[in-house]
PDB file of N, CA and C in Angstrom:
ATOM      1  N   MET A   1      -8.834  18.736   7.926  1.00  0.00           N
ATOM      2  CA  MET A   1     -10.144  19.135   7.458  1.00  0.00           C
ATOM      3  C   MET A   1     -11.001  17.883   7.296  1.00  0.00           C
ATOM      4  N   ASN A   2     -12.215  17.998   7.652  1.00  0.00           N
ATOM      5  CA  ASN A   2     -13.176  16.912   7.454  1.00  0.00           C
ATOM      6  C   ASN A   2     -14.166  17.319   6.378  1.00  0.00           C
ATOM      7  N   LEU A   3     -14.548  16.364   5.593  1.00  0.00           N
ATOM      8  CA  LEU A   3     -15.535  16.572   4.544  1.00  0.00           C
ATOM      9  C   LEU A   3     -16.663  15.588   4.779  1.00  0.00           C
ATOM     10  N   THR A   4     -17.875  16.097   4.860  1.00  0.00           N
ATOM     11  CA  THR A   4     -19.025  15.240   5.092  1.00  0.00           C
ATOM     12  C   THR A   4     -19.831  15.124   3.808  1.00  0.00           C
ATOM     13  N   ILE A   5     -20.031  13.899   3.388  1.00  0.00           N
ATOM     14  CA  ILE A   5     -20.853  13.624   2.213  1.00  0.00           C
ATOM     15  C   ILE A   5     -22.047  12.822   2.705  1.00  0.00           C
ATOM     16  N   PRO A   6     -23.243  13.339   2.492  1.00  0.00           N
ATOM     17  CA  PRO A   6     -24.433  12.632   2.981  1.00  0.00           C
ATOM     18  C   PRO A   6     -24.520  11.211   2.431  1.00  0.00           C
ATOM     19  N   ASP A   7     -24.987  10.312   3.266  1.00  0.00           N
ATOM     20  CA  ASP A   7     -25.136   8.913   2.869  1.00  0.00           C
ATOM     21  C   ASP A   7     -26.000   8.771   1.627  1.00  0.00           C
ATOM     22  N   GLU A   8     -26.999   9.625   1.487  1.00  0.00           N
ATOM     23  CA  GLU A   8     -27.888   9.548   0.324  1.00  0.00           C
ATOM     24  C   GLU A   8     -27.110   9.760  -0.970  1.00  0.00           C
ATOM     25  N   ILE A   9     -26.133  10.659  -0.934  1.00  0.00           N
ATOM     26  CA  ILE A   9     -25.319  10.943  -2.120  1.00  0.00           C
ATOM     27  C   ILE A   9     -24.446   9.737  -2.452  1.00  0.00           C
ATOM     28  N   LEU A  10     -23.822   9.162  -1.423  1.00  0.00           N
ATOM     29  CA  LEU A  10     -22.993   7.980  -1.637  1.00  0.00           C
ATOM     30  C   LEU A  10     -23.823   6.826  -2.186  1.00  0.00           C
ATOM     31  N   GLN A  11     -25.000   6.641  -1.626  1.00  0.00           N
ATOM     32  CA  GLN A  11     -25.871   5.559  -2.081  1.00  0.00           C
ATOM     33  C   GLN A  11     -26.339   5.799  -3.509  1.00  0.00           C
ATOM     34  N   ALA A  12     -26.678   7.032  -3.837  1.00  0.00           N
ATOM     35  CA  ALA A  12     -27.145   7.348  -5.185  1.00  0.00           C
ATOM     36  C   ALA A  12     -26.050   7.067  -6.216  1.00  0.00           C
ATOM     37  N   GLY A  13     -24.820   7.350  -5.848  1.00  0.00           N
ATOM     38  CA  GLY A  13     -23.709   7.097  -6.757  1.00  0.00           C
ATOM     39  C   GLY A  13     -23.115   5.719  -6.614  1.00  0.00           C
ATOM     40  N   GLN A  14     -23.687   4.931  -5.716  1.00  0.00           N
ATOM     41  CA  GLN A  14     -23.188   3.590  -5.417  1.00  0.00           C
ATOM     42  C   GLN A  14     -21.689   3.620  -5.131  1.00  0.00           C
ATOM     43  N   LEU A  15     -21.299   4.567  -4.244  1.00  0.00           N
ATOM     44  CA  LEU A  15     -19.902   4.768  -3.891  1.00  0.00           C
ATOM     45  C   LEU A  15     -19.694   4.587  -2.396  1.00  0.00           C
ATOM     46  N   SER A  16     -18.529   4.105  -2.047  1.00  0.00           N
ATOM     47  CA  SER A  16     -18.151   4.029  -0.642  1.00  0.00           C
ATOM     48  C   SER A  16     -17.225   5.205  -0.328  1.00  0.00           C
ATOM     49  N   ALA A  17     -16.941   5.405   0.933  1.00  0.00           N
ATOM     50  CA  ALA A  17     -16.000   6.459   1.327  1.00  0.00           C
ATOM     51  C   ALA A  17     -14.629   6.189   0.709  1.00  0.00           C
ATOM     52  N   ALA A  18     -14.226   4.923   0.660  1.00  0.00           N
ATOM     53  CA  ALA A  18     -12.936   4.567   0.060  1.00  0.00           C
ATOM     54  C   ALA A  18     -12.919   4.899  -1.438  1.00  0.00           C
ATOM     55  N   ASP A  19     -14.052   4.676  -2.115  1.00  0.00           N
ATOM     56  CA  ASP A  19     -14.151   5.019  -3.543  1.00  0.00           C
ATOM     57  C   ASP A  19     -13.960   6.516  -3.747  1.00  0.00           C
ATOM     58  N   ILE A  20     -14.593   7.312  -2.914  1.00  0.00           N
ATOM     59  CA  ILE A  20     -14.502   8.774  -3.025  1.00  0.00           C
ATOM     60  C   ILE A  20     -13.065   9.231  -2.811  1.00  0.00           C
ATOM     61  N   LYS A  21     -12.409   8.705  -1.783  1.00  0.00           N
ATOM     62  CA  LYS A  21     -11.023   9.075  -1.505  1.00  0.00           C
ATOM     63  C   LYS A  21     -10.115   8.720  -2.675  1.00  0.00           C
ATOM     64  N   ARG A  22     -10.314   7.535  -3.252  1.00  0.00           N
ATOM     65  CA  ARG A  22      -9.495   7.106  -4.384  1.00  0.00           C
ATOM     66  C   ARG A  22      -9.737   7.998  -5.601  1.00  0.00           C
ATOM     67  N   GLU A  23     -10.995   8.308  -5.872  1.00  0.00           N
ATOM     68  CA  GLU A  23     -11.326   9.156  -7.025  1.00  0.00           C
ATOM     69  C   GLU A  23     -10.752  10.563  -6.862  1.00  0.00           C
ATOM     70  N   LEU A  24     -10.846  11.113  -5.659  1.00  0.00           N
ATOM     71  CA  LEU A  24     -10.274  12.444  -5.408  1.00  0.00           C
ATOM     72  C   LEU A  24      -8.756  12.421  -5.571  1.00  0.00           C
ATOM     73  N   ALA A  25      -8.130  11.383  -5.053  1.00  0.00           N
ATOM     74  CA  ALA A  25      -6.673  11.267  -5.164  1.00  0.00           C
ATOM     75  C   ALA A  25      -6.255  11.224  -6.629  1.00  0.00           C
ATOM     76  N   MET A  26      -6.959  10.445  -7.451  1.00  0.00           N
ATOM     77  CA  MET A  26      -6.625  10.354  -8.869  1.00  0.00           C
ATOM     78  C   MET A  26      -6.863  11.684  -9.585  1.00  0.00           C
ATOM     79  N   LEU A  27      -7.946  12.356  -9.237  1.00  0.00           N
ATOM     80  CA  LEU A  27      -8.241  13.653  -9.840  1.00  0.00           C
ATOM     81  C   LEU A  27      -7.163  14.671  -9.508  1.00  0.00           C
ATOM     82  N   PHE A  28      -6.790  14.753  -8.226  1.00  0.00           N
ATOM     83  CA  PHE A  28      -5.747  15.703  -7.812  1.00  0.00           C
ATOM     84  C   PHE A  28      -4.402  15.365  -8.437  1.00  0.00           C
ATOM     85  N   LEU A  29      -4.125  14.085  -8.625  1.00  0.00           N
ATOM     86  CA  LEU A  29      -2.884  13.682  -9.277  1.00  0.00           C
ATOM     87  C   LEU A  29      -2.893  14.114 -10.747  1.00  0.00           C
ATOM     88  N   GLN A  30      -4.006  13.900 -11.431  1.00  0.00           N
ATOM     89  CA  GLN A  30      -4.119  14.309 -12.837  1.00  0.00           C
ATOM     90  C   GLN A  30      -3.953  15.810 -12.997  1.00  0.00           C
ATOM     91  N   LYS A  31      -4.489  16.564 -12.045  1.00  0.00           N
ATOM     92  CA  LYS A  31      -4.401  18.028 -12.103  1.00  0.00           C
ATOM     93  C   LYS A  31      -3.064  18.548 -11.587  1.00  0.00           C
ATOM     94  N   LYS A  32      -2.202  17.615 -11.154  1.00  0.00           N
ATOM     95  CA  LYS A  32      -0.895  17.937 -10.610  1.00  0.00           C
ATOM     96  C   LYS A  32      -0.986  18.786  -9.342  1.00  0.00           C
ATOM     97  N   ALA A  33      -2.104  18.624  -8.634  1.00  0.00           N
ATOM     98  CA  ALA A  33      -2.272  19.298  -7.347  1.00  0.00           C
ATOM     99  C   ALA A  33      -1.597  18.495  -6.240  1.00  0.00           C
ATOM    100  N   LEU A  34      -1.414  17.184  -6.480  1.00  0.00           N
ATOM    101  CA  LEU A  34      -0.712  16.307  -5.541  1.00  0.00           C
ATOM    102  C   LEU A  34       0.317  15.497  -6.313  1.00  0.00           C
ATOM    103  N   ASN A  35       1.382  15.110  -5.610  1.00  0.00           N
ATOM    104  CA  ASN A  35       2.322  14.182  -6.228  1.00  0.00           C
ATOM    105  C   ASN A  35       1.847  12.760  -5.929  1.00  0.00           C
ATOM    106  N   VAL A  36       2.537  11.769  -6.457  1.00  0.00           N
ATOM    107  CA  VAL A  36       2.101  10.383  -6.308  1.00  0.00           C
ATOM    108  C   VAL A  36       2.054   9.981  -4.826  1.00  0.00           C
ATOM    109  N   GLU A  37       3.058  10.363  -4.072  1.00  0.00           N
ATOM    110  CA  GLU A  37       3.088  10.002  -2.647  1.00  0.00           C
ATOM    111  C   GLU A  37       1.894  10.597  -1.903  1.00  0.00           C
ATOM    112  N   GLN A  38       1.600  11.861  -2.158  1.00  0.00           N
ATOM    113  CA  GLN A  38       0.469  12.520  -1.496  1.00  0.00           C
ATOM    114  C   GLN A  38      -0.855  11.894  -1.918  1.00  0.00           C
ATOM    115  N   ALA A  39      -0.994  11.584  -3.195  1.00  0.00           N
ATOM    116  CA  ALA A  39      -2.228  10.970  -3.687  1.00  0.00           C
ATOM    117  C   ALA A  39      -2.422   9.590  -3.070  1.00  0.00           C
ATOM    118  N   THR A  40      -1.329   8.863  -2.932  1.00  0.00           N
ATOM    119  CA  THR A  40      -1.393   7.542  -2.310  1.00  0.00           C
ATOM    120  C   THR A  40      -1.859   7.650  -0.867  1.00  0.00           C
ATOM    121  N   GLN A  41      -1.350   8.648  -0.166  1.00  0.00           N
ATOM    122  CA  GLN A  41      -1.773   8.863   1.224  1.00  0.00           C
ATOM    123  C   GLN A  41      -3.248   9.221   1.289  1.00  0.00           C
ATOM    124  N   LEU A  42      -3.699  10.107   0.406  1.00  0.00           N
ATOM    125  CA  LEU A  42      -5.108  10.493   0.386  1.00  0.00           C
ATOM    126  C   LEU A  42      -6.002   9.285   0.096  1.00  0.00           C
ATOM    127  N   ALA A  43      -5.581   8.461  -0.840  1.00  0.00           N
ATOM    128  CA  ALA A  43      -6.363   7.283  -1.200  1.00  0.00           C
ATOM    129  C   ALA A  43      -6.291   6.200  -0.134  1.00  0.00           C
ATOM    130  N   ASP A  44      -5.355   6.343   0.796  1.00  0.00           N
ATOM    131  CA  ASP A  44      -5.156   5.360   1.871  1.00  0.00           C
ATOM    132  C   ASP A  44      -4.903   3.975   1.286  1.00  0.00           C
ATOM    133  N   MET A  45      -3.991   3.961   0.300  1.00  0.00           N
ATOM    134  CA  MET A  45      -3.668   2.716  -0.397  1.00  0.00           C
ATOM    135  C   MET A  45      -2.160   2.535  -0.438  1.00  0.00           C
ATOM    136  N   GLN A  46      -1.736   1.308  -0.635  1.00  0.00           N
ATOM    137  CA  GLN A  46      -0.331   1.021  -0.872  1.00  0.00           C
ATOM    138  C   GLN A  46       0.033   1.586  -2.248  1.00  0.00           C
ATOM    139  N   PRO A  47       1.252   2.134  -2.402  1.00  0.00           N
ATOM    140  CA  PRO A  47       1.621   2.742  -3.691  1.00  0.00           C
ATOM    141  C   PRO A  47       1.428   1.827  -4.898  1.00  0.00           C
ATOM    142  N   VAL A  48       1.783   0.571  -4.776  1.00  0.00           N
ATOM    143  CA  VAL A  48       1.640  -0.344  -5.916  1.00  0.00           C
ATOM    144  C   VAL A  48       0.176  -0.514  -6.298  1.00  0.00           C
ATOM    145  N   LYS A  49      -0.692  -0.678  -5.315  1.00  0.00           N
ATOM    146  CA  LYS A  49      -2.124  -0.846  -5.609  1.00  0.00           C
ATOM    147  C   LYS A  49      -2.713   0.427  -6.188  1.00  0.00           C
ATOM    148  N   PHE A  50      -2.271   1.580  -5.677  1.00  0.00           N
ATOM    149  CA  PHE A  50      -2.787   2.851  -6.190  1.00  0.00           C
ATOM    150  C   PHE A  50      -2.386   3.020  -7.655  1.00  0.00           C
ATOM    151  N   GLU A  51      -1.145   2.722  -7.973  1.00  0.00           N
ATOM    152  CA  GLU A  51      -0.678   2.884  -9.352  1.00  0.00           C
ATOM    153  C   GLU A  51      -1.371   1.903 -10.292  1.00  0.00           C
ATOM    154  N   GLN A  52      -1.791   0.746  -9.790  1.00  0.00           N
ATOM    155  CA  GLN A  52      -2.518  -0.212 -10.618  1.00  0.00           C
ATOM    156  C   GLN A  52      -3.896   0.318 -11.000  1.00  0.00           C
ATOM    157  N   LYS A  53      -4.480   1.110 -10.130  1.00  0.00           N
ATOM    158  CA  LYS A  53      -5.814   1.682 -10.406  1.00  0.00           C
ATOM    159  C   LYS A  53      -5.673   2.739 -11.463  1.00  0.00           C
TER     160      LYS A  53
END
């Protein structure tokens, strides 16, 4: 699935695509919708760096 977020929205929130992916991964992990491995994949980060965030 692809999700399109208009550039204006990203600019208004001063967020990058990587920021959005990381925030979604953390949210889904908190809600227990994803496990740590899945959240790490969504965030496109190394597990150690993801856990540090």
